[in-house]
Amino acid sequence: MGYWNTHENPKDNKGFKSVADIVNDIADRALGGWDDFTDDITTYPREIVRLYLSEDCPEPLNEEVYQQVLRESSERIQRAIHRRICNQLY
């Protein structure tokens, strides 16, 4: 577990070596939208994952390599986002 299942086209996985790499990339991108003054640490991770799974998802997160991980590991991504926020705040 944790290793990225490569596709027939090696460029499809964008060079990520594992699911953990993709989770961390998504969490880092989500942290860029975090606002200490207006966002709630308890709801932001869930809201951002919902956004990333919606039709309004920004590029490149709307690409299949990200969408697959978002669908299969949404709770893991939410925890990673929460940890990033806590590390930034404390």
Protein backbone atom coordinates (compact mmCIF):
# COMPACT_ATOMS: atom_id res chain seq x y z
CA MET A 1 0.00 0.00 0.00
CA GLY A 2 1.17 3.51 -0.62
CA TYR A 3 2.82 2.83 -3.97
CA TRP A 4 1.34 4.39 -7.04
CA ASN A 5 -0.10 1.89 -9.47
CA THR A 6 1.49 2.99 -12.75
CA HIS A 7 -0.59 3.15 -15.90
CA GLU A 8 0.33 2.06 -19.40
CA ASN A 9 1.50 5.58 -20.14
CA PRO A 10 4.19 6.49 -17.57
CA LYS A 11 3.46 10.20 -18.08
CA ASP A 12 -0.05 9.72 -16.65
CA ASN A 13 1.22 9.70 -13.07
CA LYS A 14 3.20 12.95 -13.51
CA GLY A 15 6.30 11.41 -11.97
CA PHE A 16 4.74 10.69 -8.58
CA LYS A 17 6.27 7.64 -6.96
CA SER A 18 3.47 6.94 -4.48
CA VAL A 19 -0.02 7.86 -3.38
CA ALA A 20 1.59 9.64 -0.43
CA ASP A 21 3.39 11.96 -2.85
CA ILE A 22 0.08 12.89 -4.46
CA VAL A 23 -1.65 13.34 -1.09
CA ASN A 24 1.15 15.67 0.01
CA ASP A 25 0.98 17.62 -3.24
CA ILE A 26 -2.78 18.10 -2.87
CA ALA A 27 -2.39 19.17 0.77
CA ASP A 28 0.33 21.66 -0.14
CA ARG A 29 -1.88 23.16 -2.84
CA ALA A 30 -4.82 23.36 -0.42
CA LEU A 31 -2.70 25.18 2.13
CA GLY A 32 -2.16 27.94 -0.43
CA GLY A 33 -5.85 28.82 -0.20
CA TRP A 34 -6.00 28.80 3.61
CA ASP A 35 -6.81 32.13 5.30
CA ASP A 36 -6.18 32.33 9.05
CA PHE A 37 -8.83 35.00 9.50
CA THR A 38 -11.77 33.63 7.52
CA ASP A 39 -11.35 29.85 7.28
CA ASP A 40 -12.28 27.33 9.97
CA ILE A 41 -9.68 24.62 10.64
CA THR A 42 -12.39 22.06 11.37
CA THR A 43 -14.30 22.51 8.09
CA TYR A 44 -11.71 23.77 5.60
CA PRO A 45 -10.13 20.37 4.81
CA ARG A 46 -13.53 18.82 4.05
CA GLU A 47 -14.67 21.83 2.01
CA ILE A 48 -11.51 21.94 -0.08
CA VAL A 49 -11.70 18.21 -0.86
CA ARG A 50 -15.32 18.70 -1.94
CA LEU A 51 -14.21 21.55 -4.20
CA TYR A 52 -11.43 19.44 -5.69
CA LEU A 53 -13.94 16.65 -6.42
CA SER A 54 -16.43 19.02 -8.05
CA GLU A 55 -16.71 20.25 -11.62
CA ASP A 56 -15.19 23.55 -10.44
CA CYS A 57 -11.92 21.85 -9.54
CA PRO A 58 -8.89 23.96 -10.54
CA GLU A 59 -6.21 22.66 -12.88
CA PRO A 60 -4.16 20.49 -12.59
CA LEU A 61 -6.16 18.86 -9.79
CA ASN A 62 -8.90 18.00 -12.27
CA GLU A 63 -6.56 15.55 -14.00
CA GLU A 64 -7.21 11.84 -13.48
CA VAL A 65 -4.03 11.15 -11.47
CA TYR A 66 -5.28 13.59 -8.80
CA GLN A 67 -8.96 12.72 -9.10
CA GLN A 68 -8.31 9.03 -8.51
CA VAL A 69 -6.48 9.76 -5.26
CA LEU A 70 -9.10 12.32 -4.22
CA ARG A 71 -11.86 9.72 -4.68
CA GLU A 72 -10.00 6.87 -2.99
CA SER A 73 -8.19 8.74 -0.19
CA SER A 74 -10.31 11.78 0.66
CA GLU A 75 -10.09 11.27 4.44
CA ARG A 76 -6.32 10.85 4.24
CA ILE A 77 -6.09 14.08 2.24
CA GLN A 78 -8.27 15.91 4.77
CA ARG A 79 -5.96 14.79 7.60
CA ALA A 80 -2.91 15.92 5.62
CA ILE A 81 -4.47 19.34 5.01
CA HIS A 82 -5.34 19.64 8.70
CA ARG A 83 -1.75 18.77 9.69
CA ARG A 84 -0.37 21.36 7.27
CA ILE A 85 -2.64 24.04 8.74
CA CYS A 86 -1.64 23.11 12.30
CA ASN A 87 2.04 23.19 11.39
CA GLN A 88 1.59 26.64 9.90
CA LEU A 89 -0.35 27.98 12.88
CA TYR A 90 1.70 26.50 15.70
